[in-house]
């Protein structure tokens, strides 16, 4: 999950697997698979960075195992 901030300052956690699309209008509009959308203060780039970090934390590359 990633953490974003709504326009009113409320923190919200979203599942990256439910995000359908994002658009900058100038705030970021995150559309979910169920049709709902959220307007957030976070830039689309910062949301993408959080998604990349989450995915990298879930994937083991080569011999990088925690034993």
N, C-alpha and C. Protein backbone atom coordinates (compact mmCIF):
# COMPACT_ATOMS: atom_id res chain seq x y z
N UNK A 1 0.84 -1.17 0.00
CA UNK A 1 0.00 0.00 0.00
C UNK A 1 0.89 1.25 0.00
N UNK A 2 0.33 2.31 -0.51
CA UNK A 2 1.05 3.58 -0.52
C UNK A 2 0.23 4.61 0.25
N UNK A 3 0.92 5.63 0.77
CA UNK A 3 0.25 6.68 1.54
C UNK A 3 0.20 7.94 0.70
N UNK A 4 -0.99 8.51 0.57
CA UNK A 4 -1.18 9.78 -0.13
C UNK A 4 -1.95 10.72 0.79
N UNK A 5 -1.95 12.00 0.46
CA UNK A 5 -2.65 12.99 1.27
C UNK A 5 -3.74 13.65 0.44
N UNK A 6 -4.96 13.57 0.92
CA UNK A 6 -6.08 14.22 0.24
C UNK A 6 -5.92 15.73 0.32
N UNK A 7 -6.69 16.44 -0.46
CA UNK A 7 -6.60 17.90 -0.50
C UNK A 7 -6.94 18.53 0.85
N UNK A 8 -7.75 17.86 1.66
CA UNK A 8 -8.11 18.40 2.98
C UNK A 8 -7.09 18.04 4.07
N UNK A 9 -5.99 17.35 3.69
CA UNK A 9 -4.94 16.99 4.63
C UNK A 9 -5.07 15.60 5.21
N UNK A 10 -6.15 14.91 4.94
CA UNK A 10 -6.36 13.56 5.46
C UNK A 10 -5.43 12.57 4.75
N UNK A 11 -4.78 11.71 5.54
CA UNK A 11 -3.91 10.68 4.96
C UNK A 11 -4.76 9.49 4.54
N UNK A 12 -4.38 8.91 3.43
CA UNK A 12 -5.14 7.81 2.85
C UNK A 12 -4.15 6.77 2.36
N UNK A 13 -4.45 5.50 2.60
CA UNK A 13 -3.61 4.40 2.13
C UNK A 13 -4.34 3.68 1.00
N UNK A 14 -3.66 3.52 -0.12
CA UNK A 14 -4.26 2.89 -1.30
C UNK A 14 -3.48 1.64 -1.70
N UNK A 15 -4.21 0.64 -2.15
CA UNK A 15 -3.59 -0.56 -2.69
C UNK A 15 -3.10 -0.27 -4.11
N UNK A 16 -1.84 -0.54 -4.36
CA UNK A 16 -1.32 -0.27 -5.71
C UNK A 16 -1.95 -1.17 -6.75
N UNK A 17 -2.48 -2.31 -6.31
CA UNK A 17 -3.09 -3.25 -7.25
C UNK A 17 -4.48 -2.82 -7.69
N UNK A 18 -5.04 -1.80 -7.05
CA UNK A 18 -6.36 -1.31 -7.40
C UNK A 18 -6.32 0.00 -8.19
N UNK A 19 -5.13 0.57 -8.37
CA UNK A 19 -5.01 1.83 -9.11
C UNK A 19 -5.13 1.54 -10.60
N UNK A 20 -6.05 2.23 -11.25
CA UNK A 20 -6.25 2.05 -12.70
C UNK A 20 -5.46 3.09 -13.49
N UNK A 21 -5.51 4.37 -13.04
CA UNK A 21 -4.82 5.42 -13.76
C UNK A 21 -4.61 6.62 -12.86
N UNK A 22 -3.73 7.52 -13.31
CA UNK A 22 -3.49 8.78 -12.61
C UNK A 22 -3.44 9.89 -13.63
N UNK A 23 -3.83 11.08 -13.19
CA UNK A 23 -3.73 12.23 -14.08
C UNK A 23 -3.45 13.47 -13.23
N UNK A 24 -2.67 14.39 -13.76
CA UNK A 24 -2.35 15.65 -13.08
C UNK A 24 -3.23 16.75 -13.66
N UNK A 25 -4.01 17.42 -12.77
CA UNK A 25 -5.01 18.38 -13.28
C UNK A 25 -5.14 19.71 -12.54
N UNK A 26 -4.35 20.38 -11.84
CA UNK A 26 -2.95 20.19 -11.47
C UNK A 26 -2.75 19.30 -10.25
N UNK A 27 -3.77 19.10 -9.38
CA UNK A 27 -3.61 18.10 -8.34
C UNK A 27 -3.61 16.73 -9.01
N UNK A 28 -3.30 15.70 -8.26
CA UNK A 28 -3.25 14.37 -8.85
C UNK A 28 -4.58 13.67 -8.61
N UNK A 29 -5.15 13.15 -9.69
CA UNK A 29 -6.40 12.39 -9.62
C UNK A 29 -6.04 10.93 -9.81
N UNK A 30 -6.31 10.11 -8.79
CA UNK A 30 -6.03 8.68 -8.85
C UNK A 30 -7.35 7.95 -9.02
N UNK A 31 -7.50 7.27 -10.15
CA UNK A 31 -8.72 6.51 -10.43
C UNK A 31 -8.49 5.06 -10.05
N UNK A 32 -9.43 4.51 -9.30
CA UNK A 32 -9.33 3.13 -8.85
C UNK A 32 -10.11 2.20 -9.77
N UNK A 33 -9.84 0.90 -9.66
CA UNK A 33 -10.49 -0.09 -10.52
C UNK A 33 -12.02 -0.13 -10.31
N UNK A 34 -12.49 0.25 -9.12
CA UNK A 34 -13.93 0.22 -8.86
C UNK A 34 -14.65 1.47 -9.34
N UNK A 35 -13.90 2.39 -10.00
CA UNK A 35 -14.51 3.59 -10.53
C UNK A 35 -14.37 4.81 -9.63
N UNK A 36 -14.08 4.59 -8.34
CA UNK A 36 -13.86 5.72 -7.44
C UNK A 36 -12.57 6.43 -7.82
N UNK A 37 -12.46 7.69 -7.44
CA UNK A 37 -11.22 8.41 -7.65
C UNK A 37 -10.93 9.28 -6.44
N UNK A 38 -9.66 9.60 -6.26
CA UNK A 38 -9.21 10.43 -5.15
C UNK A 38 -8.37 11.57 -5.69
N UNK A 39 -8.63 12.78 -5.21
CA UNK A 39 -7.80 13.94 -5.52
C UNK A 39 -6.81 14.09 -4.38
N UNK A 40 -5.52 14.09 -4.71
CA UNK A 40 -4.50 14.12 -3.67
C UNK A 40 -3.48 15.22 -3.93
N UNK A 41 -2.81 15.64 -2.85
CA UNK A 41 -1.77 16.67 -2.94
C UNK A 41 -0.49 16.13 -3.56
N UNK A 42 -0.23 14.84 -3.40
CA UNK A 42 1.00 14.23 -3.88
C UNK A 42 1.09 14.33 -5.41
N UNK A 43 2.29 14.55 -5.90
CA UNK A 43 2.47 14.59 -7.36
C UNK A 43 2.40 13.18 -7.92
N UNK A 44 2.08 13.07 -9.19
CA UNK A 44 2.03 11.75 -9.84
C UNK A 44 3.40 11.09 -9.78
N UNK A 45 4.47 11.88 -9.90
CA UNK A 45 5.83 11.33 -9.82
C UNK A 45 6.11 10.73 -8.45
N UNK A 46 5.67 11.40 -7.37
CA UNK A 46 5.92 10.87 -6.03
C UNK A 46 5.10 9.60 -5.78
N UNK A 47 3.89 9.54 -6.34
CA UNK A 47 3.09 8.33 -6.22
C UNK A 47 3.78 7.18 -6.96
N UNK A 48 4.29 7.46 -8.16
CA UNK A 48 5.01 6.42 -8.92
C UNK A 48 6.25 5.95 -8.18
N UNK A 49 6.96 6.86 -7.53
CA UNK A 49 8.14 6.47 -6.75
C UNK A 49 7.76 5.55 -5.60
N UNK A 50 6.65 5.85 -4.93
CA UNK A 50 6.18 4.98 -3.85
C UNK A 50 5.80 3.59 -4.38
N UNK A 51 5.16 3.56 -5.54
CA UNK A 51 4.79 2.28 -6.15
C UNK A 51 6.04 1.48 -6.48
N UNK A 52 7.04 2.13 -7.08
CA UNK A 52 8.30 1.45 -7.42
C UNK A 52 8.97 0.90 -6.17
N UNK A 53 9.03 1.70 -5.10
CA UNK A 53 9.66 1.27 -3.86
C UNK A 53 8.91 0.07 -3.26
N UNK A 54 7.58 0.10 -3.32
CA UNK A 54 6.79 -1.00 -2.79
C UNK A 54 7.07 -2.29 -3.56
N UNK A 55 7.05 -2.20 -4.88
CA UNK A 55 7.29 -3.39 -5.71
C UNK A 55 8.70 -3.92 -5.48
N UNK A 56 9.69 -3.04 -5.41
CA UNK A 56 11.06 -3.48 -5.16
C UNK A 56 11.20 -4.15 -3.81
N UNK A 57 10.42 -3.72 -2.82
CA UNK A 57 10.50 -4.34 -1.50
C UNK A 57 9.87 -5.73 -1.48
N UNK A 58 9.07 -6.06 -2.49
CA UNK A 58 8.39 -7.36 -2.55
C UNK A 58 9.12 -8.37 -3.42
N UNK A 59 10.08 -7.93 -4.21
CA UNK A 59 10.74 -8.79 -5.19
C UNK A 59 12.17 -9.06 -4.75
N UNK A 60 12.60 -10.33 -4.87
CA UNK A 60 13.97 -10.71 -4.57
C UNK A 60 14.70 -10.89 -5.90
N UNK A 61 15.81 -10.17 -6.04
CA UNK A 61 16.61 -10.24 -7.26
C UNK A 61 17.85 -11.08 -7.00
N UNK A 62 18.07 -12.12 -7.81
CA UNK A 62 19.28 -12.93 -7.73
C UNK A 62 19.52 -13.50 -6.35
N UNK A 63 20.69 -13.24 -5.78
CA UNK A 63 21.09 -13.79 -4.49
C UNK A 63 20.82 -12.85 -3.33
N UNK A 64 19.94 -11.89 -3.49
CA UNK A 64 19.66 -10.91 -2.45
C UNK A 64 18.57 -11.41 -1.50
N UNK A 65 18.79 -12.59 -0.92
CA UNK A 65 17.81 -13.16 0.01
C UNK A 65 18.15 -12.76 1.43
N UNK A 66 17.12 -12.52 2.22
CA UNK A 66 17.33 -12.29 3.65
C UNK A 66 17.22 -13.63 4.35
N UNK A 67 18.34 -14.12 4.82
CA UNK A 67 18.37 -15.46 5.44
C UNK A 67 18.42 -15.33 6.94
